[in-house]
Amino acid sequence: MLVVIGIIAVLAGASIGVFAKASKKAQLAKGRELVSNVATALATIYQQSGHWPEALVNANGQNDWKLGKEATLVLARKGVLSLSYKKNGDGVYTLTGPDRFGIVDPWAYAVLKRDETLGKSASVPSGKTVDDHFLRFAIDVDGRGFTEATVCGKKISVRAPAIVWSTGPDGEFDDFDKIGRSDDIFSFRIGQVKQGGE
């Protein structure tokens, strides 16, 4: 009987480790999908009208490039991304649900979804706050075909109408030169970064 209990305990311990690893991979995949979807949504807005809405231009580069409430409201009004919002009789949109402060990554989203009363200073399992887990974005404001931004402390120019990036599960940006080898998530590939421009 003790041998059987011992075997069950070993199997349970091993399965917990496998489950934790699979869960981490699933969250990373969800983060990559969100970053990609937001970049596509931003590009779609530009393609539909041929210009950027004023709220996105004003939000571009502000508040550490965070995809905050004003920019997220544009995405809600344009209907290019699945967001929780309500619209009153005067046509005013209000964000509701976990994206009420702007668009956050899956790690912060799970915390805000669990408790609707939490704010941007709420703690996330990474030890950081919800505020550290906002997606960042930049758009090609002048229509030259390159989006310029300061990403992970480095000023870059990317051949794309819009770019989106995220800290990943740890809530901290790594060195930009570690792109592809860190847990940070980007909507662009290193080959899209304009060479020679700092």
C-alpha atoms as a PDB file:
ATOM      1  CA  MET A   1       0.000   0.000   0.000  1.00  0.00           C
ATOM      2  CA  LEU A   2       2.827   2.412   0.892  1.00  0.00           C
ATOM      3  CA  VAL A   3       4.592   1.616  -2.403  1.00  0.00           C
ATOM      4  CA  VAL A   4       1.398   2.407  -4.353  1.00  0.00           C
ATOM      5  CA  ILE A   5       0.936   5.694  -2.452  1.00  0.00           C
ATOM      6  CA  GLY A   6       4.584   6.548  -3.140  1.00  0.00           C
ATOM      7  CA  ILE A   7       4.172   5.878  -6.869  1.00  0.00           C
ATOM      8  CA  ILE A   8       1.004   8.008  -6.980  1.00  0.00           C
ATOM      9  CA  ALA A   9       2.820  10.857  -5.188  1.00  0.00           C
ATOM     10  CA  VAL A  10       5.747  10.737  -7.656  1.00  0.00           C
ATOM     11  CA  LEU A  11       3.350  10.714 -10.642  1.00  0.00           C
ATOM     12  CA  ALA A  12       1.326  13.600  -9.181  1.00  0.00           C
ATOM     13  CA  GLY A  13       4.493  15.646  -8.627  1.00  0.00           C
ATOM     14  CA  ALA A  14       5.665  15.022 -12.185  1.00  0.00           C
ATOM     15  CA  SER A  15       2.281  15.909 -13.679  1.00  0.00           C
ATOM     16  CA  ILE A  16       2.168  19.207 -11.749  1.00  0.00           C
ATOM     17  CA  GLY A  17       5.505  20.196 -13.310  1.00  0.00           C
ATOM     18  CA  VAL A  18       4.298  19.252 -16.796  1.00  0.00           C
ATOM     19  CA  PHE A  19       1.053  21.191 -16.265  1.00  0.00           C
ATOM     20  CA  ALA A  20       2.927  24.300 -15.073  1.00  0.00           C
ATOM     21  CA  LYS A  21       5.200  24.203 -18.132  1.00  0.00           C
ATOM     22  CA  ALA A  22       2.242  23.754 -20.513  1.00  0.00           C
ATOM     23  CA  SER A  23       0.364  26.587 -18.798  1.00  0.00           C
ATOM     24  CA  LYS A  24       3.357  28.922 -19.189  1.00  0.00           C
ATOM     25  CA  LYS A  25       3.647  28.071 -22.904  1.00  0.00           C
ATOM     26  CA  ALA A  26      -0.084  28.688 -23.386  1.00  0.00           C
ATOM     27  CA  GLN A  27       0.146  32.125 -21.738  1.00  0.00           C
ATOM     28  CA  LEU A  28       3.128  33.080 -23.933  1.00  0.00           C
ATOM     29  CA  ALA A  29       1.221  31.964 -27.035  1.00  0.00           C
ATOM     30  CA  LYS A  30      -1.748  34.040 -25.899  1.00  0.00           C
ATOM     31  CA  GLY A  31       0.538  37.049 -25.391  1.00  0.00           C
ATOM     32  CA  ARG A  32       2.034  36.668 -28.888  1.00  0.00           C
ATOM     33  CA  GLU A  33      -1.429  36.370 -30.401  1.00  0.00           C
ATOM     34  CA  LEU A  34      -2.638  39.507 -28.601  1.00  0.00           C
ATOM     35  CA  VAL A  35       0.380  41.564 -29.706  1.00  0.00           C
ATOM     36  CA  SER A  36      -0.078  40.379 -33.297  1.00  0.00           C
ATOM     37  CA  ASN A  37      -3.846  41.048 -33.257  1.00  0.00           C
ATOM     38  CA  VAL A  38      -3.415  44.582 -31.902  1.00  0.00           C
ATOM     39  CA  ALA A  39      -0.776  45.394 -34.556  1.00  0.00           C
ATOM     40  CA  THR A  40      -3.134  44.079 -37.251  1.00  0.00           C
ATOM     41  CA  ALA A  41      -6.056  46.066 -35.789  1.00  0.00           C
ATOM     42  CA  LEU A  42      -4.017  49.285 -35.864  1.00  0.00           C
ATOM     43  CA  ALA A  43      -2.922  48.682 -39.477  1.00  0.00           C
ATOM     44  CA  THR A  44      -6.548  47.948 -40.423  1.00  0.00           C
ATOM     45  CA  ILE A  45      -7.685  51.307 -39.039  1.00  0.00           C
ATOM     46  CA  TYR A  46      -5.183  53.093 -41.267  1.00  0.00           C
ATOM     47  CA  GLN A  47      -6.058  50.989 -44.330  1.00  0.00           C
ATOM     48  CA  GLN A  48      -9.788  51.633 -43.903  1.00  0.00           C
ATOM     49  CA  SER A  49      -9.548  55.430 -43.814  1.00  0.00           C
ATOM     50  CA  GLY A  50      -6.132  56.300 -45.261  1.00  0.00           C
ATOM     51  CA  HIS A  51      -5.188  58.310 -42.169  1.00  0.00           C
ATOM     52  CA  TRP A  52      -4.734  57.836 -38.440  1.00  0.00           C
ATOM     53  CA  PRO A  53      -7.469  59.006 -36.028  1.00  0.00           C
ATOM     54  CA  GLU A  54      -6.345  62.052 -34.045  1.00  0.00           C
ATOM     55  CA  ALA A  55      -6.589  60.178 -30.719  1.00  0.00           C
ATOM     56  CA  LEU A  56      -4.032  57.595 -31.921  1.00  0.00           C
ATOM     57  CA  VAL A  57      -1.660  60.287 -33.215  1.00  0.00           C
ATOM     58  CA  ASN A  58      -1.909  62.127 -29.873  1.00  0.00           C
ATOM     59  CA  ALA A  59      -1.336  58.909 -27.897  1.00  0.00           C
ATOM     60  CA  ASN A  60       1.640  57.845 -30.040  1.00  0.00           C
ATOM     61  CA  GLY A  61       4.777  57.954 -27.886  1.00  0.00           C
ATOM     62  CA  GLN A  62       2.972  59.289 -24.822  1.00  0.00           C
ATOM     63  CA  ASN A  63       3.225  57.733 -21.350  1.00  0.00           C
ATOM     64  CA  ASP A  64       6.106  55.388 -22.204  1.00  0.00           C
ATOM     65  CA  TRP A  65       4.338  54.223 -25.418  1.00  0.00           C
ATOM     66  CA  LYS A  66       1.608  52.450 -23.393  1.00  0.00           C
ATOM     67  CA  LEU A  67      -1.589  51.439 -25.175  1.00  0.00           C
ATOM     68  CA  GLY A  68      -3.774  53.344 -22.733  1.00  0.00           C
ATOM     69  CA  LYS A  69      -7.436  54.166 -22.501  1.00  0.00           C
ATOM     70  CA  GLU A  70      -7.683  56.820 -25.249  1.00  0.00           C
ATOM     71  CA  ALA A  71      -5.987  54.682 -27.899  1.00  0.00           C
ATOM     72  CA  THR A  72      -7.994  51.615 -26.815  1.00  0.00           C
ATOM     73  CA  LEU A  73     -11.241  53.568 -27.161  1.00  0.00           C
ATOM     74  CA  VAL A  74     -10.333  54.179 -30.824  1.00  0.00           C
ATOM     75  CA  LEU A  75     -10.002  50.405 -31.319  1.00  0.00           C
ATOM     76  CA  ALA A  76     -13.393  49.909 -29.623  1.00  0.00           C
ATOM     77  CA  ARG A  77     -15.111  52.577 -31.769  1.00  0.00           C
ATOM     78  CA  LYS A  78     -13.644  51.148 -34.979  1.00  0.00           C
ATOM     79  CA  GLY A  79     -14.669  47.597 -34.002  1.00  0.00           C
ATOM     80  CA  VAL A  80     -11.341  46.091 -35.107  1.00  0.00           C
ATOM     81  CA  LEU A  81     -10.610  44.267 -31.859  1.00  0.00           C
ATOM     82  CA  SER A  82     -12.754  42.337 -29.416  1.00  0.00           C
ATOM     83  CA  LEU A  83     -13.057  44.643 -26.412  1.00  0.00           C
ATOM     84  CA  SER A  84     -15.542  45.044 -23.575  1.00  0.00           C
ATOM     85  CA  TYR A  85     -17.220  48.433 -23.828  1.00  0.00           C
ATOM     86  CA  LYS A  86     -20.585  50.143 -23.635  1.00  0.00           C
ATOM     87  CA  LYS A  87     -21.940  52.983 -25.735  1.00  0.00           C
ATOM     88  CA  ASN A  88     -24.406  55.460 -24.294  1.00  0.00           C
ATOM     89  CA  GLY A  89     -27.132  57.352 -26.185  1.00  0.00           C
ATOM     90  CA  ASP A  90     -24.768  60.251 -26.941  1.00  0.00           C
ATOM     91  CA  GLY A  91     -22.345  57.919 -28.744  1.00  0.00           C
ATOM     92  CA  VAL A  92     -19.800  58.026 -25.911  1.00  0.00           C
ATOM     93  CA  TYR A  93     -17.832  54.794 -25.504  1.00  0.00           C
ATOM     94  CA  THR A  94     -16.730  53.523 -22.095  1.00  0.00           C
ATOM     95  CA  LEU A  95     -14.349  50.613 -21.670  1.00  0.00           C
ATOM     96  CA  THR A  96     -15.461  47.922 -19.250  1.00  0.00           C
ATOM     97  CA  GLY A  97     -13.912  44.681 -18.084  1.00  0.00           C
ATOM     98  CA  PRO A  98     -10.178  43.910 -17.788  1.00  0.00           C
ATOM     99  CA  ASP A  99      -9.230  46.317 -20.621  1.00  0.00           C
ATOM    100  CA  ARG A 100     -10.866  49.317 -18.931  1.00  0.00           C
ATOM    101  CA  PHE A 101      -7.507  51.114 -18.453  1.00  0.00           C
ATOM    102  CA  GLY A 102      -6.168  50.160 -21.885  1.00  0.00           C
ATOM    103  CA  ILE A 103      -4.850  46.912 -23.335  1.00  0.00           C
ATOM    104  CA  VAL A 104      -2.833  44.770 -20.945  1.00  0.00           C
ATOM    105  CA  ASP A 105      -1.093  41.452 -21.561  1.00  0.00           C
ATOM    106  CA  PRO A 106      -2.595  38.083 -20.468  1.00  0.00           C
ATOM    107  CA  TRP A 107      -0.807  38.108 -17.094  1.00  0.00           C
ATOM    108  CA  ALA A 108      -2.379  41.405 -16.006  1.00  0.00           C
ATOM    109  CA  TYR A 109      -5.655  40.584 -17.783  1.00  0.00           C
ATOM    110  CA  ALA A 110      -6.115  37.476 -15.616  1.00  0.00           C
ATOM    111  CA  VAL A 111      -5.626  39.534 -12.438  1.00  0.00           C
ATOM    112  CA  LEU A 112      -8.081  42.265 -13.494  1.00  0.00           C
ATOM    113  CA  LYS A 113     -10.618  39.710 -14.695  1.00  0.00           C
ATOM    114  CA  ARG A 114     -10.514  37.934 -11.335  1.00  0.00           C
ATOM    115  CA  ASP A 115     -11.213  41.136  -9.389  1.00  0.00           C
ATOM    116  CA  GLU A 116     -12.979  44.040 -11.142  1.00  0.00           C
ATOM    117  CA  THR A 117     -12.180  46.427  -8.255  1.00  0.00           C
ATOM    118  CA  LEU A 118      -8.418  46.319  -8.808  1.00  0.00           C
ATOM    119  CA  GLY A 119      -6.621  49.218 -10.427  1.00  0.00           C
ATOM    120  CA  LYS A 120      -3.398  49.805 -12.359  1.00  0.00           C
ATOM    121  CA  SER A 121      -1.305  49.481  -9.194  1.00  0.00           C
ATOM    122  CA  ALA A 122      -2.619  45.955  -8.492  1.00  0.00           C
ATOM    123  CA  SER A 123       0.056  43.285  -8.130  1.00  0.00           C
ATOM    124  CA  VAL A 124       0.593  40.660 -10.859  1.00  0.00           C
ATOM    125  CA  PRO A 125       2.228  37.226 -10.219  1.00  0.00           C
ATOM    126  CA  SER A 126       5.477  38.591 -11.727  1.00  0.00           C
ATOM    127  CA  GLY A 127       5.773  40.841  -8.660  1.00  0.00           C
ATOM    128  CA  LYS A 128       5.179  43.887 -10.868  1.00  0.00           C
ATOM    129  CA  THR A 129       1.965  45.883 -11.232  1.00  0.00           C
ATOM    130  CA  VAL A 130      -0.751  45.903 -13.888  1.00  0.00           C
ATOM    131  CA  ASP A 131       0.764  49.192 -15.083  1.00  0.00           C
ATOM    132  CA  ASP A 132       3.991  47.342 -15.996  1.00  0.00           C
ATOM    133  CA  HIS A 133       2.024  44.914 -18.167  1.00  0.00           C
ATOM    134  CA  PHE A 134       0.431  47.372 -20.615  1.00  0.00           C
ATOM    135  CA  LEU A 135       1.054  46.680 -24.283  1.00  0.00           C
ATOM    136  CA  ARG A 136       3.133  49.369 -25.982  1.00  0.00           C
ATOM    137  CA  PHE A 137       2.439  50.680 -29.475  1.00  0.00           C
ATOM    138  CA  ALA A 138       3.682  53.102 -32.098  1.00  0.00           C
ATOM    139  CA  ILE A 139       2.311  54.144 -35.481  1.00  0.00           C
ATOM    140  CA  ASP A 140       3.778  55.553 -38.693  1.00  0.00           C
ATOM    141  CA  VAL A 141       2.442  59.069 -38.100  1.00  0.00           C
ATOM    142  CA  ASP A 142       3.976  60.684 -41.201  1.00  0.00           C
ATOM    143  CA  GLY A 143       3.107  57.921 -43.707  1.00  0.00           C
ATOM    144  CA  ARG A 144       6.708  57.320 -44.853  1.00  0.00           C
ATOM    145  CA  GLY A 145       6.439  53.563 -44.377  1.00  0.00           C
ATOM    146  CA  PHE A 146       8.465  53.403 -41.150  1.00  0.00           C
ATOM    147  CA  THR A 147       7.252  53.466 -37.563  1.00  0.00           C
ATOM    148  CA  GLU A 148       9.666  55.126 -35.158  1.00  0.00           C
ATOM    149  CA  ALA A 149       9.672  54.384 -31.444  1.00  0.00           C
ATOM    150  CA  THR A 150      11.841  53.840 -28.404  1.00  0.00           C
ATOM    151  CA  VAL A 151      11.592  50.104 -27.757  1.00  0.00           C
ATOM    152  CA  CYS A 152      13.303  48.530 -24.734  1.00  0.00           C
ATOM    153  CA  GLY A 153      15.466  51.646 -24.358  1.00  0.00           C
ATOM    154  CA  LYS A 154      16.581  51.726 -28.011  1.00  0.00           C
ATOM    155  CA  LYS A 155      15.354  54.178 -30.650  1.00  0.00           C
ATOM    156  CA  ILE A 156      14.339  52.154 -33.708  1.00  0.00           C
ATOM    157  CA  SER A 157      12.637  52.551 -37.060  1.00  0.00           C
ATOM    158  CA  VAL A 158      10.554  49.598 -38.273  1.00  0.00           C
ATOM    159  CA  ARG A 159       9.187  49.035 -41.781  1.00  0.00           C
ATOM    160  CA  ALA A 160       5.508  48.665 -40.738  1.00  0.00           C
ATOM    161  CA  PRO A 161       2.432  50.898 -40.380  1.00  0.00           C
ATOM    162  CA  ALA A 162       2.209  50.072 -36.671  1.00  0.00           C
ATOM    163  CA  ILE A 163       4.190  48.080 -34.120  1.00  0.00           C
ATOM    164  CA  VAL A 164       3.199  46.589 -30.775  1.00  0.00           C
ATOM    165  CA  TRP A 165       5.350  45.110 -28.039  1.00  0.00           C
ATOM    166  CA  SER A 166       4.998  43.681 -24.524  1.00  0.00           C
ATOM    167  CA  THR A 167       7.188  42.926 -21.515  1.00  0.00           C
ATOM    168  CA  GLY A 168       6.069  39.304 -21.325  1.00  0.00           C
ATOM    169  CA  PRO A 169       5.437  37.429 -18.067  1.00  0.00           C
ATOM    170  CA  ASP A 170       8.149  39.114 -15.960  1.00  0.00           C
ATOM    171  CA  GLY A 171       6.777  42.655 -16.475  1.00  0.00           C
ATOM    172  CA  GLU A 172      10.247  43.988 -17.373  1.00  0.00           C
ATOM    173  CA  PHE A 173      11.807  44.844 -20.712  1.00  0.00           C
ATOM    174  CA  ASP A 174      15.095  43.174 -21.526  1.00  0.00           C
ATOM    175  CA  ASP A 175      17.875  44.653 -23.617  1.00  0.00           C
ATOM    176  CA  PHE A 176      16.640  45.209 -27.188  1.00  0.00           C
ATOM    177  CA  ASP A 177      19.673  43.330 -28.514  1.00  0.00           C
ATOM    178  CA  LYS A 178      18.275  40.161 -26.887  1.00  0.00           C
ATOM    179  CA  ILE A 179      15.231  40.202 -29.199  1.00  0.00           C
ATOM    180  CA  GLY A 180      14.244  36.594 -29.879  1.00  0.00           C
ATOM    181  CA  ARG A 181      16.135  35.373 -26.802  1.00  0.00           C
ATOM    182  CA  SER A 182      14.098  37.044 -24.065  1.00  0.00           C
ATOM    183  CA  ASP A 183      10.494  36.767 -22.887  1.00  0.00           C
ATOM    184  CA  ASP A 184       9.592  40.158 -24.434  1.00  0.00           C
ATOM    185  CA  ILE A 185       7.046  39.930 -27.259  1.00  0.00           C
ATOM    186  CA  PHE A 186       7.173  41.975 -30.496  1.00  0.00           C
ATOM    187  CA  SER A 187       4.836  42.301 -33.483  1.00  0.00           C
ATOM    188  CA  PHE A 188       7.829  42.764 -35.786  1.00  0.00           C
ATOM    189  CA  ARG A 189      10.899  40.774 -36.744  1.00  0.00           C
ATOM    190  CA  ILE A 190      14.456  42.041 -36.439  1.00  0.00           C
ATOM    191  CA  GLY A 191      14.654  42.079 -40.272  1.00  0.00           C
ATOM    192  CA  GLN A 192      12.015  44.824 -40.361  1.00  0.00           C
ATOM    193  CA  VAL A 193      14.184  47.187 -38.291  1.00  0.00           C
ATOM    194  CA  LYS A 194      15.813  49.811 -40.482  1.00  0.00           C
ATOM    195  CA  GLN A 195      19.565  49.320 -40.541  1.00  0.00           C
ATOM    196  CA  GLY A 196      21.977  52.142 -39.823  1.00  0.00           C
ATOM    197  CA  GLY A 197      19.443  54.386 -38.056  1.00  0.00           C
ATOM    198  CA  GLU A 198      19.862  54.908 -34.330  1.00  0.00           C
END
